[in-house]
């Protein structure tokens, strides 16, 4: 069986393992608490994606200082 660098965590989880983990989670948290946990997890993922989009927008947005400087250079060339 393939393991990660540490040697004790399997890299691939099969269907049986996922079912066992789901049953354990159901037993620990109960049926009423799981939808609340998933809602919180969804909000966290959405917030993370929004943050990543903001960062990429800032990186890809041309700065206003360079834009006006480029416009001045074009005017001088004419």
C-alpha atoms as a PDB file:
ATOM      1  CA  UNK A   1       0.000   0.000   0.000  1.00  0.00           C
ATOM      2  CA  UNK A   2       1.316   3.468  -0.877  1.00  0.00           C
ATOM      3  CA  UNK A   3       1.965   5.787   2.043  1.00  0.00           C
ATOM      4  CA  UNK A   4       3.014   9.395   2.358  1.00  0.00           C
ATOM      5  CA  UNK A   5       6.454  10.641   3.375  1.00  0.00           C
ATOM      6  CA  UNK A   6       5.858   9.953   7.074  1.00  0.00           C
ATOM      7  CA  UNK A   7       4.928   6.369   6.285  1.00  0.00           C
ATOM      8  CA  UNK A   8       1.779   5.952   8.357  1.00  0.00           C
ATOM      9  CA  UNK A   9      -1.031   7.772   6.495  1.00  0.00           C
ATOM     10  CA  UNK A  10      -2.453   6.075   3.398  1.00  0.00           C
ATOM     11  CA  UNK A  11      -2.622   8.280   0.311  1.00  0.00           C
ATOM     12  CA  UNK A  12      -5.730   6.651  -1.165  1.00  0.00           C
ATOM     13  CA  UNK A  13      -8.996   6.266   0.768  1.00  0.00           C
ATOM     14  CA  UNK A  14     -11.451   3.671  -0.504  1.00  0.00           C
ATOM     15  CA  UNK A  15     -15.235   3.602  -0.364  1.00  0.00           C
ATOM     16  CA  UNK A  16     -15.315   1.496   2.788  1.00  0.00           C
ATOM     17  CA  UNK A  17     -13.089   3.923   4.659  1.00  0.00           C
ATOM     18  CA  UNK A  18     -15.237   6.891   3.602  1.00  0.00           C
ATOM     19  CA  UNK A  19     -18.390   5.098   4.828  1.00  0.00           C
ATOM     20  CA  UNK A  20     -16.751   4.272   8.166  1.00  0.00           C
ATOM     21  CA  UNK A  21     -15.604   7.892   8.593  1.00  0.00           C
ATOM     22  CA  UNK A  22     -19.127   9.136   7.743  1.00  0.00           C
ATOM     23  CA  UNK A  23     -20.677   6.799  10.332  1.00  0.00           C
ATOM     24  CA  UNK A  24     -18.196   7.945  12.988  1.00  0.00           C
ATOM     25  CA  UNK A  25     -18.957  11.604  12.221  1.00  0.00           C
ATOM     26  CA  UNK A  26     -22.685  10.875  12.397  1.00  0.00           C
ATOM     27  CA  UNK A  27     -22.256   9.197  15.771  1.00  0.00           C
ATOM     28  CA  UNK A  28     -20.085  11.993  17.170  1.00  0.00           C
ATOM     29  CA  UNK A  29     -22.083  15.006  16.007  1.00  0.00           C
ATOM     30  CA  UNK A  30     -25.590  13.650  15.456  1.00  0.00           C
ATOM     31  CA  UNK A  31     -27.929  14.192  12.524  1.00  0.00           C
ATOM     32  CA  UNK A  32     -29.003  17.703  13.545  1.00  0.00           C
ATOM     33  CA  UNK A  33     -25.519  19.167  13.910  1.00  0.00           C
ATOM     34  CA  UNK A  34     -24.035  17.962  10.593  1.00  0.00           C
ATOM     35  CA  UNK A  35     -25.982  20.399   8.341  1.00  0.00           C
ATOM     36  CA  UNK A  36     -24.805  23.296  10.536  1.00  0.00           C
ATOM     37  CA  UNK A  37     -21.212  22.095  10.234  1.00  0.00           C
ATOM     38  CA  UNK A  38     -21.496  21.788   6.452  1.00  0.00           C
ATOM     39  CA  UNK A  39     -23.031  25.271   6.224  1.00  0.00           C
ATOM     40  CA  UNK A  40     -20.107  26.701   8.176  1.00  0.00           C
ATOM     41  CA  UNK A  41     -17.657  24.797   6.001  1.00  0.00           C
ATOM     42  CA  UNK A  42     -19.342  26.145   2.855  1.00  0.00           C
ATOM     43  CA  UNK A  43     -19.133  29.717   4.141  1.00  0.00           C
ATOM     44  CA  UNK A  44     -15.455  29.218   4.904  1.00  0.00           C
ATOM     45  CA  UNK A  45     -14.718  27.900   1.427  1.00  0.00           C
ATOM     46  CA  UNK A  46     -16.664  30.786  -0.161  1.00  0.00           C
ATOM     47  CA  UNK A  47     -14.756  33.314   1.942  1.00  0.00           C
ATOM     48  CA  UNK A  48     -11.462  31.704   0.943  1.00  0.00           C
ATOM     49  CA  UNK A  49     -12.359  31.821  -2.764  1.00  0.00           C
ATOM     50  CA  UNK A  50     -13.433  35.467  -2.472  1.00  0.00           C
ATOM     51  CA  UNK A  51     -10.111  36.293  -0.836  1.00  0.00           C
ATOM     52  CA  UNK A  52      -8.186  34.493  -3.561  1.00  0.00           C
ATOM     53  CA  UNK A  53     -10.150  36.386  -6.240  1.00  0.00           C
ATOM     54  CA  UNK A  54      -9.400  39.715  -4.539  1.00  0.00           C
ATOM     55  CA  UNK A  55      -5.688  38.922  -4.481  1.00  0.00           C
ATOM     56  CA  UNK A  56      -5.629  37.902  -8.134  1.00  0.00           C
ATOM     57  CA  UNK A  57      -7.607  41.035  -9.073  1.00  0.00           C
ATOM     58  CA  UNK A  58      -5.083  43.208  -7.237  1.00  0.00           C
ATOM     59  CA  UNK A  59      -2.196  41.480  -8.980  1.00  0.00           C
ATOM     60  CA  UNK A  60      -3.758  41.775 -12.439  1.00  0.00           C
ATOM     61  CA  UNK A  61      -5.086  45.347 -11.991  1.00  0.00           C
ATOM     62  CA  UNK A  62      -2.870  47.939 -13.673  1.00  0.00           C
ATOM     63  CA  UNK A  63      -1.740  50.588 -11.228  1.00  0.00           C
ATOM     64  CA  UNK A  64      -3.018  54.093 -11.913  1.00  0.00           C
ATOM     65  CA  UNK A  65       0.426  55.676 -11.507  1.00  0.00           C
ATOM     66  CA  UNK A  66       1.955  53.667 -14.304  1.00  0.00           C
ATOM     67  CA  UNK A  67      -1.041  54.247 -16.559  1.00  0.00           C
ATOM     68  CA  UNK A  68      -0.884  58.050 -16.295  1.00  0.00           C
ATOM     69  CA  UNK A  69       2.880  57.971 -16.759  1.00  0.00           C
ATOM     70  CA  UNK A  70       2.457  55.895 -19.928  1.00  0.00           C
ATOM     71  CA  UNK A  71      -0.132  58.376 -21.231  1.00  0.00           C
ATOM     72  CA  UNK A  72       2.280  61.281 -20.625  1.00  0.00           C
ATOM     73  CA  UNK A  73       5.014  59.442 -22.530  1.00  0.00           C
ATOM     74  CA  UNK A  74       2.686  58.923 -25.489  1.00  0.00           C
ATOM     75  CA  UNK A  75       1.766  62.624 -25.571  1.00  0.00           C
ATOM     76  CA  UNK A  76       5.433  63.640 -25.549  1.00  0.00           C
ATOM     77  CA  UNK A  77       6.213  61.299 -28.473  1.00  0.00           C
ATOM     78  CA  UNK A  78       3.651  62.983 -30.736  1.00  0.00           C
END
